[in-house]
């Protein structure tokens, strides 16, 4: 089984958001996670997003 690692996390603003779609909200968190990990998108082989 391949080894994996969590290298960055991100989340959007809490509360009701009518100014953005679900995809835009997910991208905000994804962008923050990439910045937190200090990597470039092309360095990532795979990712998981979770929306409630």
PDB file of N, CA and C in Angstrom:
ATOM      1  N   UNK A   1       0.848  -1.172   0.000  1.00  0.00           N
ATOM      2  CA  UNK A   1       0.000   0.000   0.000  1.00  0.00           C
ATOM      3  C   UNK A   1       0.902   1.248   0.000  1.00  0.00           C
ATOM      4  N   UNK A   2       0.606   2.233  -0.865  1.00  0.00           N
ATOM      5  CA  UNK A   2       1.438   3.436  -0.893  1.00  0.00           C
ATOM      6  C   UNK A   2       1.282   4.266   0.374  1.00  0.00           C
ATOM      7  N   UNK A   3       2.331   4.964   0.714  1.00  0.00           N
ATOM      8  CA  UNK A   3       2.298   5.853   1.886  1.00  0.00           C
ATOM      9  C   UNK A   3       1.741   7.202   1.449  1.00  0.00           C
ATOM     10  N   UNK A   4       0.976   7.802   2.314  1.00  0.00           N
ATOM     11  CA  UNK A   4       0.404   9.123   2.041  1.00  0.00           C
ATOM     12  C   UNK A   4       0.732  10.047   3.195  1.00  0.00           C
ATOM     13  N   UNK A   5       0.581  11.332   2.981  1.00  0.00           N
ATOM     14  CA  UNK A   5       0.824  12.290   4.048  1.00  0.00           C
ATOM     15  C   UNK A   5      -0.080  13.493   3.906  1.00  0.00           C
ATOM     16  N   UNK A   6      -0.539  13.999   5.021  1.00  0.00           N
ATOM     17  CA  UNK A   6      -1.287  15.247   5.045  1.00  0.00           C
ATOM     18  C   UNK A   6      -0.266  16.347   5.286  1.00  0.00           C
ATOM     19  N   UNK A   7      -0.121  17.230   4.319  1.00  0.00           N
ATOM     20  CA  UNK A   7       0.928  18.243   4.418  1.00  0.00           C
ATOM     21  C   UNK A   7       0.382  19.652   4.568  1.00  0.00           C
ATOM     22  N   UNK A   8      -0.917  19.823   4.398  1.00  0.00           N
ATOM     23  CA  UNK A   8      -1.509  21.150   4.533  1.00  0.00           C
ATOM     24  C   UNK A   8      -3.015  21.038   4.726  1.00  0.00           C
ATOM     25  N   UNK A   9      -3.577  22.010   5.401  1.00  0.00           N
ATOM     26  CA  UNK A   9      -5.020  22.033   5.606  1.00  0.00           C
ATOM     27  C   UNK A   9      -5.543  23.433   5.293  1.00  0.00           C
ATOM     28  N   UNK A  10      -6.829  23.508   5.014  1.00  0.00           N
ATOM     29  CA  UNK A  10      -7.456  24.798   4.767  1.00  0.00           C
ATOM     30  C   UNK A  10      -8.953  24.684   4.970  1.00  0.00           C
ATOM     31  N   UNK A  11      -9.591  25.810   5.211  1.00  0.00           N
ATOM     32  CA  UNK A  11     -11.050  25.831   5.322  1.00  0.00           C
ATOM     33  C   UNK A  11     -11.550  27.208   4.931  1.00  0.00           C
ATOM     34  N   UNK A  12     -12.797  27.245   4.531  1.00  0.00           N
ATOM     35  CA  UNK A  12     -13.411  28.515   4.173  1.00  0.00           C
ATOM     36  C   UNK A  12     -13.972  29.207   5.399  1.00  0.00           C
ATOM     37  N   UNK A  13     -14.510  30.394   5.175  1.00  0.00           N
ATOM     38  CA  UNK A  13     -15.131  31.149   6.265  1.00  0.00           C
ATOM     39  C   UNK A  13     -16.380  30.414   6.752  1.00  0.00           C
ATOM     40  N   UNK A  14     -16.609  30.448   8.042  1.00  0.00           N
ATOM     41  CA  UNK A  14     -17.774  29.793   8.615  1.00  0.00           C
ATOM     42  C   UNK A  14     -18.997  30.686   8.456  1.00  0.00           C
ATOM     43  N   UNK A  15     -20.160  30.061   8.369  1.00  0.00           N
ATOM     44  CA  UNK A  15     -21.405  30.810   8.255  1.00  0.00           C
ATOM     45  C   UNK A  15     -22.029  30.645   6.878  1.00  0.00           C
ATOM     46  N   UNK A  16     -23.205  31.157   6.733  1.00  0.00           N
ATOM     47  CA  UNK A  16     -23.931  31.073   5.472  1.00  0.00           C
ATOM     48  C   UNK A  16     -23.255  31.972   4.439  1.00  0.00           C
ATOM     49  N   UNK A  17     -23.017  31.406   3.245  1.00  0.00           N
ATOM     50  CA  UNK A  17     -22.327  32.152   2.184  1.00  0.00           C
ATOM     51  C   UNK A  17     -23.144  32.055   0.902  1.00  0.00           C
ATOM     52  N   UNK A  18     -23.864  33.073   0.578  1.00  0.00           N
ATOM     53  CA  UNK A  18     -24.623  33.081  -0.666  1.00  0.00           C
ATOM     54  C   UNK A  18     -23.831  33.739  -1.795  1.00  0.00           C
ATOM     55  N   UNK A  19     -22.605  34.167  -1.502  1.00  0.00           N
ATOM     56  CA  UNK A  19     -21.785  34.863  -2.493  1.00  0.00           C
ATOM     57  C   UNK A  19     -20.935  33.920  -3.336  1.00  0.00           C
ATOM     58  N   UNK A  20     -20.976  32.598  -3.058  1.00  0.00           N
ATOM     59  CA  UNK A  20     -20.108  31.671  -3.768  1.00  0.00           C
ATOM     60  C   UNK A  20     -20.805  30.320  -3.935  1.00  0.00           C
ATOM     61  N   UNK A  21     -20.433  29.610  -5.000  1.00  0.00           N
ATOM     62  CA  UNK A  21     -20.948  28.264  -5.225  1.00  0.00           C
ATOM     63  C   UNK A  21     -20.182  27.268  -4.351  1.00  0.00           C
ATOM     64  N   UNK A  22     -20.662  26.037  -4.304  1.00  0.00           N
ATOM     65  CA  UNK A  22     -19.972  24.990  -3.545  1.00  0.00           C
ATOM     66  C   UNK A  22     -18.569  24.788  -4.108  1.00  0.00           C
ATOM     67  N   UNK A  23     -18.443  24.828  -5.430  1.00  0.00           N
ATOM     68  CA  UNK A  23     -17.131  24.652  -6.053  1.00  0.00           C
ATOM     69  C   UNK A  23     -16.183  25.784  -5.662  1.00  0.00           C
ATOM     70  N   UNK A  24     -16.676  27.009  -5.616  1.00  0.00           N
ATOM     71  CA  UNK A  24     -15.834  28.142  -5.222  1.00  0.00           C
ATOM     72  C   UNK A  24     -15.419  28.038  -3.760  1.00  0.00           C
ATOM     73  N   UNK A  25     -16.333  27.599  -2.917  1.00  0.00           N
ATOM     74  CA  UNK A  25     -16.005  27.425  -1.500  1.00  0.00           C
ATOM     75  C   UNK A  25     -14.941  26.342  -1.321  1.00  0.00           C
ATOM     76  N   UNK A  26     -15.089  25.237  -2.061  1.00  0.00           N
ATOM     77  CA  UNK A  26     -14.100  24.159  -1.982  1.00  0.00           C
ATOM     78  C   UNK A  26     -12.740  24.650  -2.477  1.00  0.00           C
ATOM     79  N   UNK A  27     -12.734  25.456  -3.549  1.00  0.00           N
ATOM     80  CA  UNK A  27     -11.464  25.969  -4.077  1.00  0.00           C
ATOM     81  C   UNK A  27     -10.787  26.892  -3.080  1.00  0.00           C
ATOM     82  N   UNK A  28     -11.550  27.697  -2.342  1.00  0.00           N
ATOM     83  CA  UNK A  28     -10.960  28.565  -1.316  1.00  0.00           C
ATOM     84  C   UNK A  28     -10.187  27.734  -0.299  1.00  0.00           C
ATOM     85  N   UNK A  29     -10.792  26.645   0.160  1.00  0.00           N
ATOM     86  CA  UNK A  29     -10.133  25.776   1.140  1.00  0.00           C
ATOM     87  C   UNK A  29      -8.929  25.066   0.524  1.00  0.00           C
ATOM     88  N   UNK A  30      -9.075  24.629  -0.722  1.00  0.00           N
ATOM     89  CA  UNK A  30      -7.987  23.938  -1.411  1.00  0.00           C
ATOM     90  C   UNK A  30      -6.787  24.871  -1.589  1.00  0.00           C
ATOM     91  N   UNK A  31      -7.057  26.097  -2.011  1.00  0.00           N
ATOM     92  CA  UNK A  31      -5.987  27.087  -2.198  1.00  0.00           C
ATOM     93  C   UNK A  31      -5.279  27.357  -0.870  1.00  0.00           C
ATOM     94  N   UNK A  32      -6.051  27.455   0.208  1.00  0.00           N
ATOM     95  CA  UNK A  32      -5.456  27.694   1.527  1.00  0.00           C
ATOM     96  C   UNK A  32      -4.594  26.509   1.959  1.00  0.00           C
ATOM     97  N   UNK A  33      -5.027  25.291   1.658  1.00  0.00           N
ATOM     98  CA  UNK A  33      -4.253  24.099   2.018  1.00  0.00           C
ATOM     99  C   UNK A  33      -2.926  24.056   1.257  1.00  0.00           C
ATOM    100  N   UNK A  34      -2.963  24.431  -0.026  1.00  0.00           N
ATOM    101  CA  UNK A  34      -1.733  24.466  -0.816  1.00  0.00           C
ATOM    102  C   UNK A  34      -0.765  25.498  -0.241  1.00  0.00           C
ATOM    103  N   UNK A  35      -1.287  26.660   0.127  1.00  0.00           N
ATOM    104  CA  UNK A  35      -0.433  27.689   0.726  1.00  0.00           C
ATOM    105  C   UNK A  35       0.126  27.220   2.063  1.00  0.00           C
ATOM    106  N   UNK A  36      -0.706  26.539   2.863  1.00  0.00           N
ATOM    107  CA  UNK A  36      -0.261  26.027   4.155  1.00  0.00           C
ATOM    108  C   UNK A  36       0.864  25.010   3.985  1.00  0.00           C
ATOM    109  N   UNK A  37       0.755  24.171   2.958  1.00  0.00           N
ATOM    110  CA  UNK A  37       1.760  23.133   2.715  1.00  0.00           C
ATOM    111  C   UNK A  37       3.019  23.683   2.055  1.00  0.00           C
ATOM    112  N   UNK A  38       2.933  24.903   1.533  1.00  0.00           N
ATOM    113  CA  UNK A  38       4.053  25.532   0.831  1.00  0.00           C
ATOM    114  C   UNK A  38       4.532  24.687  -0.352  1.00  0.00           C
ATOM    115  N   UNK A  39       3.556  24.242  -1.165  1.00  0.00           N
ATOM    116  CA  UNK A  39       3.846  23.485  -2.383  1.00  0.00           C
ATOM    117  C   UNK A  39       3.117  24.139  -3.548  1.00  0.00           C
ATOM    118  N   UNK A  40       3.427  23.674  -4.741  1.00  0.00           N
ATOM    119  CA  UNK A  40       2.741  24.112  -5.953  1.00  0.00           C
ATOM    120  C   UNK A  40       1.717  23.044  -6.335  1.00  0.00           C
ATOM    121  N   UNK A  41       0.630  23.423  -7.005  1.00  0.00           N
ATOM    122  CA  UNK A  41      -0.388  22.428  -7.391  1.00  0.00           C
ATOM    123  C   UNK A  41       0.183  21.255  -8.181  1.00  0.00           C
ATOM    124  N   UNK A  42       1.178  21.506  -9.036  1.00  0.00           N
ATOM    125  CA  UNK A  42       1.738  20.408  -9.826  1.00  0.00           C
ATOM    126  C   UNK A  42       2.555  19.418  -8.981  1.00  0.00           C
ATOM    127  N   UNK A  43       2.858  19.749  -7.738  1.00  0.00           N
ATOM    128  CA  UNK A  43       3.572  18.844  -6.834  1.00  0.00           C
ATOM    129  C   UNK A  43       2.636  17.815  -6.206  1.00  0.00           C
ATOM    130  N   UNK A  44       1.332  17.978  -6.372  1.00  0.00           N
ATOM    131  CA  UNK A  44       0.338  17.133  -5.699  1.00  0.00           C
ATOM    132  C   UNK A  44      -0.123  16.033  -6.631  1.00  0.00           C
ATOM    133  N   UNK A  45      -0.031  14.776  -6.162  1.00  0.00           N
ATOM    134  CA  UNK A  45      -0.488  13.623  -6.954  1.00  0.00           C
ATOM    135  C   UNK A  45      -1.978  13.370  -6.792  1.00  0.00           C
ATOM    136  N   UNK A  46      -2.550  13.742  -5.656  1.00  0.00           N
ATOM    137  CA  UNK A  46      -3.968  13.509  -5.411  1.00  0.00           C
ATOM    138  C   UNK A  46      -4.412  14.307  -4.209  1.00  0.00           C
ATOM    139  N   UNK A  47      -5.704  14.518  -4.093  1.00  0.00           N
ATOM    140  CA  UNK A  47      -6.231  15.266  -2.955  1.00  0.00           C
ATOM    141  C   UNK A  47      -7.654  14.809  -2.651  1.00  0.00           C
ATOM    142  N   UNK A  48      -8.095  15.125  -1.436  1.00  0.00           N
ATOM    143  CA  UNK A  48      -9.446  14.793  -0.990  1.00  0.00           C
ATOM    144  C   UNK A  48     -10.069  16.063  -0.470  1.00  0.00           C
ATOM    145  N   UNK A  49     -11.287  16.333  -0.881  1.00  0.00           N
ATOM    146  CA  UNK A  49     -12.029  17.466  -0.318  1.00  0.00           C
ATOM    147  C   UNK A  49     -13.267  16.926   0.364  1.00  0.00           C
ATOM    148  N   UNK A  50     -13.692  17.618   1.390  1.00  0.00           N
ATOM    149  CA  UNK A  50     -14.828  17.174   2.165  1.00  0.00           C
ATOM    150  C   UNK A  50     -15.717  18.382   2.420  1.00  0.00           C
ATOM    151  N   UNK A  51     -16.956  18.310   1.972  1.00  0.00           N
ATOM    152  CA  UNK A  51     -17.899  19.382   2.217  1.00  0.00           C
ATOM    153  C   UNK A  51     -19.063  18.823   3.014  1.00  0.00           C
ATOM    154  N   UNK A  52     -19.589  19.607   3.899  1.00  0.00           N
ATOM    155  CA  UNK A  52     -20.735  19.191   4.704  1.00  0.00           C
ATOM    156  C   UNK A  52     -22.002  19.797   4.164  1.00  0.00           C
TER     157      UNK A  52
END
